PDB file of N, CA and C in Angstrom:
ATOM      1  N   MET A   1       4.826  -0.536  -3.123  1.00  0.00           N
ATOM      2  CA  MET A   1       4.105  -1.322  -3.589  1.00  0.00           C
ATOM      3  C   MET A   1       4.935  -2.350  -4.257  1.00  0.00           C
ATOM      4  N   ALA A   2       4.825  -3.523  -4.264  1.00  0.00           N
ATOM      5  CA  ALA A   2       5.894  -4.470  -5.153  1.00  0.00           C
ATOM      6  C   ALA A   2       4.928  -5.135  -6.437  1.00  0.00           C
ATOM      7  N   ILE A   3       5.768  -4.952  -7.207  1.00  0.00           N
ATOM      8  CA  ILE A   3       4.889  -5.679  -8.176  1.00  0.00           C
ATOM      9  C   ILE A   3       5.762  -6.926  -9.031  1.00  0.00           C
ATOM     10  N   ASP A   4       5.634  -7.919  -8.765  1.00  0.00           N
ATOM     11  CA  ASP A   4       7.025  -9.223  -9.136  1.00  0.00           C
ATOM     12  C   ASP A   4       6.277  -9.627 -10.426  1.00  0.00           C
ATOM     13  N   MET A   5       6.776  -9.650 -12.131  1.00  0.00           N
ATOM     14  CA  MET A   5       5.737 -10.291 -12.853  1.00  0.00           C
ATOM     15  C   MET A   5       7.020 -11.572 -13.537  1.00  0.00           C
ATOM     16  N   GLU A   6       6.775 -12.711 -13.595  1.00  0.00           N
ATOM     17  CA  GLU A   6       7.794 -13.022 -14.472  1.00  0.00           C
ATOM     18  C   GLU A   6       7.350 -13.551 -16.144  1.00  0.00           C
ATOM     19  N   LEU A   7       8.731 -12.618 -16.471  1.00  0.00           N
ATOM     20  CA  LEU A   7       8.352 -12.483 -17.958  1.00  0.00           C
ATOM     21  C   LEU A   7       9.348 -13.506 -18.985  1.00  0.00           C
ATOM     22  N   THR A   8      10.236 -14.533 -18.322  1.00  0.00           N
ATOM     23  CA  THR A   8      10.413 -15.347 -19.026  1.00  0.00           C
ATOM     24  C   THR A   8       9.600 -16.445 -19.391  1.00  0.00           C
ATOM     25  N   PRO A   9       9.432 -16.810 -20.764  1.00  0.00           N
ATOM     26  CA  PRO A   9       8.838 -17.490 -21.732  1.00  0.00           C
ATOM     27  C   PRO A   9       9.448 -19.151 -20.740  1.00  0.00           C
ATOM     28  N   LYS A  10       8.169 -20.028 -20.658  1.00  0.00           N
ATOM     29  CA  LYS A  10       7.974 -21.284 -20.383  1.00  0.00           C
ATOM     30  C   LYS A  10       9.017 -22.146 -21.135  1.00  0.00           C
ATOM     31  N   THR A  11       9.325 -23.153 -21.226  1.00  0.00           N
ATOM     32  CA  THR A  11      10.518 -24.273 -21.712  1.00  0.00           C
ATOM     33  C   THR A  11       9.704 -24.825 -22.307  1.00  0.00           C
ATOM     34  N   LYS A  12       8.834 -25.785 -21.535  1.00  0.00           N
ATOM     35  CA  LYS A  12       7.936 -27.120 -21.856  1.00  0.00           C
ATOM     36  C   LYS A  12       6.639 -26.736 -21.301  1.00  0.00           C
ATOM     37  N   ARG A  13       5.690 -27.280 -21.791  1.00  0.00           N
ATOM     38  CA  ARG A  13       4.310 -26.996 -21.716  1.00  0.00           C
ATOM     39  C   ARG A  13       3.722 -27.711 -20.445  1.00  0.00           C
ATOM     40  N   PRO A  14       3.072 -27.028 -19.872  1.00  0.00           N
ATOM     41  CA  PRO A  14       2.547 -27.665 -18.290  1.00  0.00           C
ATOM     42  C   PRO A  14       2.732 -29.354 -18.170  1.00  0.00           C
ATOM     43  N   ASN A  15       2.333 -30.010 -19.563  1.00  0.00           N
ATOM     44  CA  ASN A  15       1.674 -31.876 -19.678  1.00  0.00           C
ATOM     45  C   ASN A  15       3.588 -32.169 -19.910  1.00  0.00           C
ATOM     46  N   GLY A  16       4.510 -31.676 -19.669  1.00  0.00           N
ATOM     47  CA  GLY A  16       5.499 -32.076 -20.223  1.00  0.00           C
ATOM     48  C   GLY A  16       5.735 -32.406 -22.101  1.00  0.00           C
ATOM     49  N   SER A  17       4.372 -32.032 -22.721  1.00  0.00           N
ATOM     50  CA  SER A  17       4.927 -32.710 -24.214  1.00  0.00           C
ATOM     51  C   SER A  17       5.389 -31.962 -24.900  1.00  0.00           C
ATOM     52  N   GLY A  18       7.080 -31.181 -24.603  1.00  0.00           N
ATOM     53  CA  GLY A  18       7.493 -30.172 -26.098  1.00  0.00           C
ATOM     54  C   GLY A  18       7.222 -29.302 -25.389  1.00  0.00           C
ATOM     55  N   PRO A  19       8.189 -27.888 -26.583  1.00  0.00           N
ATOM     56  CA  PRO A  19       8.263 -26.564 -25.802  1.00  0.00           C
ATOM     57  C   PRO A  19       7.146 -26.250 -25.757  1.00  0.00           C
ATOM     58  N   CYS A  20       6.837 -24.913 -25.105  1.00  0.00           N
ATOM     59  CA  CYS A  20       5.535 -23.741 -25.370  1.00  0.00           C
ATOM     60  C   CYS A  20       5.978 -22.658 -25.964  1.00  0.00           C
ATOM     61  N   CYS A  21       4.513 -22.763 -26.940  1.00  0.00           N
ATOM     62  CA  CYS A  21       5.243 -21.347 -27.882  1.00  0.00           C
ATOM     63  C   CYS A  21       5.571 -20.028 -27.464  1.00  0.00           C
ATOM     64  N   GLU A  22       6.466 -19.946 -28.356  1.00  0.00           N
ATOM     65  CA  GLU A  22       6.644 -18.501 -27.688  1.00  0.00           C
ATOM     66  C   GLU A  22       6.011 -17.313 -28.063  1.00  0.00           C
ATOM     67  N   PRO A  23       6.278 -16.391 -26.872  1.00  0.00           N
ATOM     68  CA  PRO A  23       5.199 -15.297 -26.983  1.00  0.00           C
ATOM     69  C   PRO A  23       5.036 -14.221 -27.904  1.00  0.00           C
ATOM     70  N   VAL A  24       3.699 -14.039 -28.156  1.00  0.00           N
ATOM     71  CA  VAL A  24       3.511 -13.323 -29.524  1.00  0.00           C
ATOM     72  C   VAL A  24       4.468 -12.085 -29.632  1.00  0.00           C
ATOM     73  N   VAL A  25       4.198 -11.223 -28.613  1.00  0.00           N
ATOM     74  CA  VAL A  25       4.760 -10.139 -28.244  1.00  0.00           C
ATOM     75  C   VAL A  25       5.464 -10.145 -26.571  1.00  0.00           C
ATOM     76  N   TYR A  26       6.563  -9.378 -26.474  1.00  0.00           N
ATOM     77  CA  TYR A  26       6.805  -8.846 -25.417  1.00  0.00           C
ATOM     78  C   TYR A  26       6.617  -7.769 -24.556  1.00  0.00           C
ATOM     79  N   PRO A  27       6.486  -7.221 -23.676  1.00  0.00           N
ATOM     80  CA  PRO A  27       5.932  -5.601 -23.324  1.00  0.00           C
ATOM     81  C   PRO A  27       7.030  -4.867 -23.349  1.00  0.00           C
ATOM     82  N   ASP A  28       6.758  -3.402 -23.671  1.00  0.00           N
ATOM     83  CA  ASP A  28       7.807  -2.577 -24.018  1.00  0.00           C
ATOM     84  C   ASP A  28       7.895  -1.847 -22.988  1.00  0.00           C
ATOM     85  N   VAL A  29       6.997  -2.125 -21.739  1.00  0.00           N
ATOM     86  CA  VAL A  29       7.218  -1.348 -20.691  1.00  0.00           C
ATOM     87  C   VAL A  29       7.975  -1.952 -19.503  1.00  0.00           C
ATOM     88  N   GLU A  30       9.204  -1.269 -18.876  1.00  0.00           N
ATOM     89  CA  GLU A  30       9.763  -1.865 -18.239  1.00  0.00           C
ATOM     90  C   GLU A  30       9.487  -2.018 -16.609  1.00  0.00           C
ATOM     91  N   ARG A  31       9.955  -2.684 -16.035  1.00  0.00           N
ATOM     92  CA  ARG A  31       8.595  -2.938 -14.716  1.00  0.00           C
ATOM     93  C   ARG A  31       8.415  -1.716 -13.640  1.00  0.00           C
ATOM     94  N   GLU A  32       9.758  -0.755 -13.545  1.00  0.00           N
ATOM     95  CA  GLU A  32       9.292  -0.068 -12.592  1.00  0.00           C
ATOM     96  C   GLU A  32       8.584   1.529 -13.154  1.00  0.00           C
ATOM     97  N   HIS A  33       8.632   1.199 -14.580  1.00  0.00           N
ATOM     98  CA  HIS A  33       7.902   2.310 -15.154  1.00  0.00           C
ATOM     99  C   HIS A  33       6.318   1.782 -15.220  1.00  0.00           C
ATOM    100  N   ALA A  34       6.103   0.393 -15.447  1.00  0.00           N
ATOM    101  CA  ALA A  34       5.053  -0.130 -15.279  1.00  0.00           C
ATOM    102  C   ALA A  34       4.578  -0.226 -14.139  1.00  0.00           C
ATOM    103  N   ALA A  35       5.202  -0.304 -13.074  1.00  0.00           N
ATOM    104  CA  ALA A  35       4.633  -0.020 -11.665  1.00  0.00           C
ATOM    105  C   ALA A  35       3.901   1.293 -11.387  1.00  0.00           C
ATOM    106  N   ARG A  36       4.980   2.547 -11.995  1.00  0.00           N
ATOM    107  CA  ARG A  36       5.062   3.832 -11.625  1.00  0.00           C
ATOM    108  C   ARG A  36       3.658   4.168 -12.118  1.00  0.00           C
ATOM    109  N   MET A  37       3.217   3.550 -13.086  1.00  0.00           N
ATOM    110  CA  MET A  37       2.159   3.891 -14.624  1.00  0.00           C
ATOM    111  C   MET A  37       0.595   3.355 -13.453  1.00  0.00           C
ATOM    112  N   ALA A  38       1.181   2.061 -12.920  1.00  0.00           N
ATOM    113  CA  ALA A  38       0.035   1.643 -12.546  1.00  0.00           C
ATOM    114  C   ALA A  38      -0.220   2.198 -11.571  1.00  0.00           C
ATOM    115  N   GLU A  39      -0.071   2.856 -10.477  1.00  0.00           N
ATOM    116  CA  GLU A  39      -0.005   3.750  -9.606  1.00  0.00           C
ATOM    117  C   GLU A  39      -0.844   4.880  -9.613  1.00  0.00           C
ATOM    118  N   VAL A  40      -0.062   5.387 -11.130  1.00  0.00           N
ATOM    119  CA  VAL A  40      -1.032   6.703 -11.504  1.00  0.00           C
ATOM    120  C   VAL A  40      -2.406   6.174 -11.746  1.00  0.00           C
ATOM    121  N   ALA A  41      -2.803   5.176 -12.571  1.00  0.00           N
ATOM    122  CA  ALA A  41      -3.854   4.324 -12.646  1.00  0.00           C
ATOM    123  C   ALA A  41      -4.887   4.048 -11.757  1.00  0.00           C
ATOM    124  N   LYS A  42      -4.334   3.625 -10.158  1.00  0.00           N
ATOM    125  CA  LYS A  42      -5.117   3.253  -9.694  1.00  0.00           C
ATOM    126  C   LYS A  42      -5.690   4.039  -8.923  1.00  0.00           C
ATOM    127  N   ALA A  43      -4.808   5.321  -8.419  1.00  0.00           N
ATOM    128  CA  ALA A  43      -5.115   6.460  -8.107  1.00  0.00           C
ATOM    129  C   ALA A  43      -6.200   7.243  -8.685  1.00  0.00           C
ATOM    130  N   LEU A  44      -6.555   6.969 -10.414  1.00  0.00           N
ATOM    131  CA  LEU A  44      -7.276   7.827 -11.149  1.00  0.00           C
ATOM    132  C   LEU A  44      -8.377   6.686 -11.293  1.00  0.00           C
ATOM    133  N   GLY A  45      -8.725   5.913 -10.764  1.00  0.00           N
ATOM    134  CA  GLY A  45      -9.313   4.591 -10.560  1.00  0.00           C
ATOM    135  C   GLY A  45     -11.031   5.066 -10.126  1.00  0.00           C
ATOM    136  N   ASP A  46     -10.543   5.456  -9.373  1.00  0.00           N
ATOM    137  CA  ASP A  46     -11.810   6.171  -8.581  1.00  0.00           C
ATOM    138  C   ASP A  46     -12.881   7.209  -8.900  1.00  0.00           C
ATOM    139  N   PRO A  47     -14.017   7.349  -9.115  1.00  0.00           N
ATOM    140  CA  PRO A  47     -14.813   8.579 -10.344  1.00  0.00           C
ATOM    141  C   PRO A  47     -14.364   9.907  -9.458  1.00  0.00           C
ATOM    142  N   ILE A  48     -14.479   9.907  -8.215  1.00  0.00           N
ATOM    143  CA  ILE A  48     -14.085  11.170  -7.254  1.00  0.00           C
ATOM    144  C   ILE A  48     -12.652  11.808  -7.961  1.00  0.00           C
ATOM    145  N   ARG A  49     -11.789  10.964  -7.187  1.00  0.00           N
ATOM    146  CA  ARG A  49     -10.189  11.161  -7.878  1.00  0.00           C
ATOM    147  C   ARG A  49     -10.045  11.932  -9.339  1.00  0.00           C
ATOM    148  N   LEU A  50     -10.934  10.928 -10.244  1.00  0.00           N
ATOM    149  CA  LEU A  50     -10.875  11.229 -11.346  1.00  0.00           C
ATOM    150  C   LEU A  50     -11.506  12.870 -11.893  1.00  0.00           C
ATOM    151  N   GLN A  51     -13.017  13.115 -11.273  1.00  0.00           N
ATOM    152  CA  GLN A  51     -13.251  14.602 -11.688  1.00  0.00           C
ATOM    153  C   GLN A  51     -12.144  15.385 -10.945  1.00  0.00           C
ATOM    154  N   LEU A  52     -12.155  14.932  -9.539  1.00  0.00           N
ATOM    155  CA  LEU A  52     -10.896  16.163  -9.102  1.00  0.00           C
ATOM    156  C   LEU A  52      -9.594  16.727  -9.673  1.00  0.00           C
ATOM    157  N   VAL A  53      -8.971  15.801 -10.737  1.00  0.00           N
ATOM    158  CA  VAL A  53      -8.106  15.463 -11.253  1.00  0.00           C
ATOM    159  C   VAL A  53      -8.492  16.565 -12.529  1.00  0.00           C
ATOM    160  N   ASP A  54      -9.660  16.284 -13.119  1.00  0.00           N
ATOM    161  CA  ASP A  54     -10.367  16.965 -14.107  1.00  0.00           C
ATOM    162  C   ASP A  54     -10.643  18.486 -13.556  1.00  0.00           C
ATOM    163  N   VAL A  55     -11.003  18.913 -12.696  1.00  0.00           N
ATOM    164  CA  VAL A  55     -11.048  20.170 -11.982  1.00  0.00           C
ATOM    165  C   VAL A  55      -9.999  20.917 -11.885  1.00  0.00           C
ATOM    166  N   LEU A  56      -9.022  20.452 -11.083  1.00  0.00           N
ATOM    167  CA  LEU A  56      -7.637  20.696 -11.084  1.00  0.00           C
ATOM    168  C   LEU A  56      -7.073  21.255 -12.228  1.00  0.00           C
ATOM    169  N   ARG A  57      -7.459  20.349 -13.210  1.00  0.00           N
ATOM    170  CA  ARG A  57      -6.389  20.523 -13.974  1.00  0.00           C
ATOM    171  C   ARG A  57      -6.797  21.612 -15.224  1.00  0.00           C
ATOM    172  N   LYS A  58      -8.327  21.742 -15.324  1.00  0.00           N
ATOM    173  CA  LYS A  58      -8.996  22.833 -15.663  1.00  0.00           C
ATOM    174  C   LYS A  58      -8.798  24.412 -15.568  1.00  0.00           C
ATOM    175  N   HIS A  59      -8.343  24.045 -14.169  1.00  0.00           N
ATOM    176  CA  HIS A  59      -8.388  25.558 -13.289  1.00  0.00           C
ATOM    177  C   HIS A  59      -7.352  25.967 -13.660  1.00  0.00           C
ATOM    178  N   ALA A  60      -6.856  27.138 -13.677  1.00  0.00           N
ATOM    179  CA  ALA A  60      -5.667  28.118 -14.089  1.00  0.00           C
ATOM    180  C   ALA A  60      -5.255  28.586 -12.579  1.00  0.00           C
ATOM    181  N   GLY A  61      -4.447  27.631 -12.083  1.00  0.00           N
ATOM    182  CA  GLY A  61      -3.898  28.428 -10.677  1.00  0.00           C
ATOM    183  C   GLY A  61      -4.222  26.646  -9.949  1.00  0.00           C
ATOM    184  N   LYS A  62      -4.618  27.668  -8.432  1.00  0.00           N
ATOM    185  CA  LYS A  62      -4.458  26.615  -7.347  1.00  0.00           C
ATOM    186  C   LYS A  62      -5.826  26.760  -6.839  1.00  0.00           C
ATOM    187  N   VAL A  63      -6.518  25.925  -6.488  1.00  0.00           N
ATOM    188  CA  VAL A  63      -7.989  25.900  -6.259  1.00  0.00           C
ATOM    189  C   VAL A  63      -7.939  25.086  -4.319  1.00  0.00           C
ATOM    190  N   CYS A  64      -8.292  26.173  -4.065  1.00  0.00           N
ATOM    191  CA  CYS A  64      -9.131  25.984  -2.244  1.00  0.00           C
ATOM    192  C   CYS A  64     -10.217  24.716  -2.348  1.00  0.00           C
ATOM    193  N   VAL A  65      -9.582  23.467  -1.092  1.00  0.00           N
ATOM    194  CA  VAL A  65     -10.548  22.667  -1.212  1.00  0.00           C
ATOM    195  C   VAL A  65     -12.008  23.175  -0.656  1.00  0.00           C
ATOM    196  N   HIS A  66     -11.755  24.208  -0.309  1.00  0.00           N
ATOM    197  CA  HIS A  66     -13.383  24.465  -0.207  1.00  0.00           C
ATOM    198  C   HIS A  66     -14.139  24.466  -1.541  1.00  0.00           C
ATOM    199  N   GLU A  67     -13.569  25.191  -2.252  1.00  0.00           N
ATOM    200  CA  GLU A  67     -14.195  25.303  -3.414  1.00  0.00           C
ATOM    201  C   GLU A  67     -14.319  24.138  -4.566  1.00  0.00           C
ATOM    202  N   LEU A  68     -13.926  22.625  -4.149  1.00  0.00           N
ATOM    203  CA  LEU A  68     -14.225  21.437  -4.075  1.00  0.00           C
ATOM    204  C   LEU A  68     -15.468  20.793  -3.372  1.00  0.00           C
ATOM    205  N   ILE A  69     -15.707  21.607  -2.355  1.00  0.00           N
ATOM    206  CA  ILE A  69     -16.517  20.227  -1.705  1.00  0.00           C
ATOM    207  C   ILE A  69     -17.819  20.620  -2.483  1.00  0.00           C
ATOM    208  N   PRO A  70     -18.420  21.684  -2.599  1.00  0.00           N
ATOM    209  CA  PRO A  70     -20.034  21.548  -2.919  1.00  0.00           C
ATOM    210  C   PRO A  70     -19.872  21.138  -5.245  1.00  0.00           C
ATOM    211  N   LEU A  71     -18.961  20.455  -5.328  1.00  0.00           N
ATOM    212  CA  LEU A  71     -18.535  20.324  -6.744  1.00  0.00           C
ATOM    213  C   LEU A  71     -19.514  18.232  -6.487  1.00  0.00           C
ATOM    214  N   PHE A  72     -19.017  17.628  -5.261  1.00  0.00           N
ATOM    215  CA  PHE A  72     -19.259  16.435  -5.188  1.00  0.00           C
ATOM    216  C   PHE A  72     -20.287  15.931  -3.667  1.00  0.00           C
ATOM    217  N   ASP A  73     -21.349  15.484  -4.625  1.00  0.00           N
ATOM    218  CA  ASP A  73     -22.314  14.777  -3.322  1.00  0.00           C
ATOM    219  C   ASP A  73     -21.547  13.973  -1.407  1.00  0.00           C
ATOM    220  N   VAL A  74     -20.369  14.377  -1.342  1.00  0.00           N
ATOM    221  CA  VAL A  74     -19.561  13.521  -0.234  1.00  0.00           C
ATOM    222  C   VAL A  74     -18.912  14.761   0.773  1.00  0.00           C
ATOM    223  N   ALA A  75     -18.480  14.309   1.913  1.00  0.00           N
ATOM    224  CA  ALA A  75     -18.221  15.213   2.771  1.00  0.00           C
ATOM    225  C   ALA A  75     -16.859  15.995   2.652  1.00  0.00           C
ATOM    226  N   GLN A  76     -16.384  16.927   3.606  1.00  0.00           N
ATOM    227  CA  GLN A  76     -15.217  17.379   3.170  1.00  0.00           C
ATOM    228  C   GLN A  76     -13.891  16.186   3.414  1.00  0.00           C
ATOM    229  N   PRO A  77     -14.322  15.403   4.868  1.00  0.00           N
ATOM    230  CA  PRO A  77     -13.220  14.450   4.803  1.00  0.00           C
ATOM    231  C   PRO A  77     -13.048  13.878   3.627  1.00  0.00           C
ATOM    232  N   THR A  78     -14.033  13.290   3.239  1.00  0.00           N
ATOM    233  CA  THR A  78     -13.572  12.341   2.020  1.00  0.00           C
ATOM    234  C   THR A  78     -13.385  12.964   0.743  1.00  0.00           C
ATOM    235  N   ILE A  79     -13.335  14.130   0.627  1.00  0.00           N
ATOM    236  CA  ILE A  79     -12.860  15.085  -0.348  1.00  0.00           C
ATOM    237  C   ILE A  79     -11.470  15.073  -0.211  1.00  0.00           C
ATOM    238  N   SER A  80     -10.477  15.115   1.036  1.00  0.00           N
ATOM    239  CA  SER A  80      -9.576  15.346   1.244  1.00  0.00           C
ATOM    240  C   SER A  80      -8.707  13.955   1.092  1.00  0.00           C
ATOM    241  N   HIS A  81      -9.169  13.040   1.511  1.00  0.00           N
ATOM    242  CA  HIS A  81      -9.138  11.902   1.791  1.00  0.00           C
ATOM    243  C   HIS A  81      -8.661  11.403  -0.017  1.00  0.00           C
ATOM    244  N   HIS A  82      -9.058  11.540  -0.783  1.00  0.00           N
ATOM    245  CA  HIS A  82      -9.127  11.500  -1.802  1.00  0.00           C
ATOM    246  C   HIS A  82      -8.088  12.640  -2.506  1.00  0.00           C
ATOM    247  N   LEU A  83      -7.840  13.290  -1.837  1.00  0.00           N
ATOM    248  CA  LEU A  83      -6.775  14.426  -2.414  1.00  0.00           C
ATOM    249  C   LEU A  83      -5.423  13.993  -1.904  1.00  0.00           C
ATOM    250  N   LYS A  84      -5.536  13.421  -0.856  1.00  0.00           N
ATOM    251  CA  LYS A  84      -4.371  12.588  -0.249  1.00  0.00           C
ATOM    252  C   LYS A  84      -4.169  11.684  -1.026  1.00  0.00           C
ATOM    253  N   LYS A  85      -4.573  10.811  -1.842  1.00  0.00           N
ATOM    254  CA  LYS A  85      -4.340   9.779  -2.234  1.00  0.00           C
ATOM    255  C   LYS A  85      -3.959  10.321  -3.720  1.00  0.00           C
ATOM    256  N   LEU A  86      -4.044  11.284  -4.657  1.00  0.00           N
ATOM    257  CA  LEU A  86      -3.869  11.670  -5.374  1.00  0.00           C
ATOM    258  C   LEU A  86      -2.480  12.373  -5.516  1.00  0.00           C
ATOM    259  N   ARG A  87      -2.373  12.914  -3.774  1.00  0.00           N
ATOM    260  CA  ARG A  87      -0.837  13.586  -3.641  1.00  0.00           C
ATOM    261  C   ARG A  87       0.186  12.174  -3.617  1.00  0.00           C
ATOM    262  N   GLU A  88      -0.452  11.049  -3.265  1.00  0.00           N
ATOM    263  CA  GLU A  88       0.554  10.024  -2.706  1.00  0.00           C
ATOM    264  C   GLU A  88       0.936   9.540  -3.889  1.00  0.00           C
ATOM    265  N   ALA A  89      -0.008   9.557  -4.810  1.00  0.00           N
ATOM    266  CA  ALA A  89       0.325   9.430  -6.189  1.00  0.00           C
ATOM    267  C   ALA A  89       1.502  10.001  -7.052  1.00  0.00           C
ATOM    268  N   GLY A  90       1.689  11.345  -6.828  1.00  0.00           N
ATOM    269  CA  GLY A  90       2.503  12.339  -7.457  1.00  0.00           C
ATOM    270  C   GLY A  90       1.567  12.797  -8.597  1.00  0.00           C
ATOM    271  N   ILE A  91       0.521  13.040  -8.367  1.00  0.00           N
ATOM    272  CA  ILE A  91      -0.666  13.836  -9.102  1.00  0.00           C
ATOM    273  C   ILE A  91      -0.817  14.705  -8.782  1.00  0.00           C
ATOM    274  N   VAL A  92      -1.188  15.537  -7.535  1.00  0.00           N
ATOM    275  CA  VAL A  92      -1.572  16.912  -7.297  1.00  0.00           C
ATOM    276  C   VAL A  92      -0.543  16.923  -6.074  1.00  0.00           C
ATOM    277  N   ASP A  93      -0.750  18.425  -5.857  1.00  0.00           N
ATOM    278  CA  ASP A  93       0.470  18.723  -4.690  1.00  0.00           C
ATOM    279  C   ASP A  93      -0.366  19.807  -3.875  1.00  0.00           C
ATOM    280  N   SER A  94       0.237  20.446  -2.858  1.00  0.00           N
ATOM    281  CA  SER A  94      -0.931  21.557  -2.635  1.00  0.00           C
ATOM    282  C   SER A  94       0.089  22.257  -1.759  1.00  0.00           C
ATOM    283  N   GLU A  95      -0.412  23.667  -1.482  1.00  0.00           N
ATOM    284  CA  GLU A  95       0.087  24.256  -0.499  1.00  0.00           C
ATOM    285  C   GLU A  95      -0.942  25.191   0.724  1.00  0.00           C
ATOM    286  N   ARG A  96       0.013  24.799   1.833  1.00  0.00           N
ATOM    287  CA  ARG A  96      -1.121  25.793   2.929  1.00  0.00           C
ATOM    288  C   ARG A  96      -1.110  27.243   2.734  1.00  0.00           C
ATOM    289  N   GLN A  97      -1.975  28.048   3.107  1.00  0.00           N
ATOM    290  CA  GLN A  97      -1.924  29.094   3.517  1.00  0.00           C
ATOM    291  C   GLN A  97      -3.181  29.873   4.443  1.00  0.00           C
ATOM    292  N   GLY A  98      -2.389  29.538   5.777  1.00  0.00           N
ATOM    293  CA  GLY A  98      -3.300  29.659   6.688  1.00  0.00           C
ATOM    294  C   GLY A  98      -3.812  28.726   6.972  1.00  0.00           C
ATOM    295  N   LEU A  99      -5.163  28.678   7.324  1.00  0.00           N
ATOM    296  CA  LEU A  99      -5.859  27.564   7.732  1.00  0.00           C
ATOM    297  C   LEU A  99      -6.260  26.519   6.636  1.00  0.00           C
ATOM    298  N   TRP A 100      -5.864  27.074   5.250  1.00  0.00           N
ATOM    299  CA  TRP A 100      -6.777  26.282   3.908  1.00  0.00           C
ATOM    300  C   TRP A 100      -5.584  25.816   3.014  1.00  0.00           C
ATOM    301  N   ALA A 101      -5.566  24.581   2.108  1.00  0.00           N
ATOM    302  CA  ALA A 101      -4.564  23.808   1.950  1.00  0.00           C
ATOM    303  C   ALA A 101      -5.754  24.336   0.103  1.00  0.00           C
ATOM    304  N   TYR A 102      -4.399  24.467  -1.153  1.00  0.00           N
ATOM    305  CA  TYR A 102      -4.784  25.073  -2.234  1.00  0.00           C
ATOM    306  C   TYR A 102      -3.911  23.820  -2.900  1.00  0.00           C
ATOM    307  N   TYR A 103      -4.898  23.500  -4.111  1.00  0.00           N
ATOM    308  CA  TYR A 103      -4.610  21.741  -4.670  1.00  0.00           C
ATOM    309  C   TYR A 103      -4.093  22.802  -6.186  1.00  0.00           C
ATOM    310  N   TYR A 104      -3.467  21.583  -6.755  1.00  0.00           N
ATOM    311  CA  TYR A 104      -3.326  21.833  -8.108  1.00  0.00           C
ATOM    312  C   TYR A 104      -2.556  20.650  -8.642  1.00  0.00           C
ATOM    313  N   VAL A 105      -2.797  20.164  -9.991  1.00  0.00           N
ATOM    314  CA  VAL A 105      -2.094  19.284 -10.697  1.00  0.00           C
ATOM    315  C   VAL A 105      -0.666  19.704 -11.016  1.00  0.00           C
ATOM    316  N   LEU A 106       0.094  18.346 -10.560  1.00  0.00           N
ATOM    317  CA  LEU A 106       1.860  18.936 -10.863  1.00  0.00           C
ATOM    318  C   LEU A 106       1.635  18.399 -12.172  1.00  0.00           C
ATOM    319  N   PRO A 107       2.860  19.620 -13.008  1.00  0.00           N
ATOM    320  CA  PRO A 107       3.055  19.597 -14.179  1.00  0.00           C
ATOM    321  C   PRO A 107       3.852  18.318 -15.072  1.00  0.00           C
ATOM    322  N   GLY A 108       3.049  17.774 -15.765  1.00  0.00           N
ATOM    323  CA  GLY A 108       4.008  16.792 -16.159  1.00  0.00           C
ATOM    324  C   GLY A 108       3.741  15.291 -15.304  1.00  0.00           C
ATOM    325  N   ALA A 109       2.428  15.816 -14.700  1.00  0.00           N
ATOM    326  CA  ALA A 109       2.080  14.215 -13.875  1.00  0.00           C
ATOM    327  C   ALA A 109       1.509  12.812 -14.342  1.00  0.00           C
ATOM    328  N   LEU A 110       0.711  13.301 -15.643  1.00  0.00           N
ATOM    329  CA  LEU A 110       0.193  12.886 -15.961  1.00  0.00           C
ATOM    330  C   LEU A 110       0.648  12.398 -17.517  1.00  0.00           C
ATOM    331  N   ASP A 111       1.306  12.777 -17.355  1.00  0.00           N
ATOM    332  CA  ASP A 111       2.207  13.049 -19.333  1.00  0.00           C
ATOM    333  C   ASP A 111       2.589  11.296 -19.811  1.00  0.00           C
ATOM    334  N   GLU A 112       3.380  10.725 -18.911  1.00  0.00           N
ATOM    335  CA  GLU A 112       3.631   9.364 -18.686  1.00  0.00           C
ATOM    336  C   GLU A 112       2.507   7.935 -19.198  1.00  0.00           C
ATOM    337  N   LEU A 113       1.099   8.245 -18.318  1.00  0.00           N
ATOM    338  CA  LEU A 113       0.578   7.473 -18.864  1.00  0.00           C
ATOM    339  C   LEU A 113      -0.196   7.684 -20.000  1.00  0.00           C
ATOM    340  N   ALA A 114      -0.438   9.422 -19.891  1.00  0.00           N
ATOM    341  CA  ALA A 114      -1.119   9.706 -21.206  1.00  0.00           C
ATOM    342  C   ALA A 114      -0.694   9.087 -22.520  1.00  0.00           C
ATOM    343  N   ALA A 115       1.246   9.351 -22.947  1.00  0.00           N
ATOM    344  CA  ALA A 115       1.778   9.021 -24.231  1.00  0.00           C
ATOM    345  C   ALA A 115       1.476   7.565 -24.169  1.00  0.00           C
ATOM    346  N   TRP A 116       1.811   6.891 -23.013  1.00  0.00           N
ATOM    347  CA  TRP A 116       1.255   5.076 -23.293  1.00  0.00           C
ATOM    348  C   TRP A 116      -0.054   4.935 -23.631  1.00  0.00           C
ATOM    349  N   LEU A 117      -0.843   5.609 -23.049  1.00  0.00           N
ATOM    350  CA  LEU A 117      -2.307   5.068 -23.894  1.00  0.00           C
ATOM    351  C   LEU A 117      -2.605   5.880 -25.173  1.00  0.00           C
ATOM    352  N   GLY A 118      -1.788   6.679 -25.471  1.00  0.00           N
ATOM    353  CA  GLY A 118      -1.900   7.377 -26.924  1.00  0.00           C
ATOM    354  C   GLY A 118      -1.414   6.386 -27.913  1.00  0.00           C
TER     355      GLY A 118
END
C-alpha cells in the first residue's frame, strides 16, 4: 500500500494572485510511520475485527478460533477472514496445534497507534 502525500506548501494561490498562506502546522508523523498506523487503523476499522482484538487482548494466553465463533453472528470462514486481515496488519498472530489455530495479540502491536491517539 503506497501513500503519496505532497506536504510542501504552494508558493502561489491557484489564481496566481500572490503567495499562498503558510500552513498552520506541519505533520509530526513521518510518511512511513503514518502509512503503518493507517494500516493498523484500517484493520481495526471493521467492528468484528475491533471486537476480536478486544477479546484476544483481554484473554490471558492464546484463544482457539472455535472459542471465538460463538461470540459473533457470522460463520467460521468470516471469522477466519477477519483474523487473517488482523494478522496481515501485524496486530495478531497464531500458532497451529494439530487442526486448530490459536490466536493472540502481538505484544506492542497497538502501542504506536495508542501513543499517537493519546
